Amino acid sequence: MNAVDTNILIYVNDSRYPSKQAIAASLVAGLTDGVLIWQVACEYLAASRKLEPLG
């Protein structure tokens, strides 16, 4: 079982850093038994609100 970190999820959706976005996307795509911990989900929601003005 692999837990996904908040930063990985943010980089998947943050187009300001294309190289980090590509790496994060490949990590997420390669998960076969990943889990999303409740705390990470809450952190992602809070952090992703900061990305909203960026599009």
Foldseek 3Di string as FASTA:
>chain_A
DAEDALVLVVLCVAPVDVVSVVVSVVVVVPDDDYDYDPVSVVVNVVVVVVCVVVD
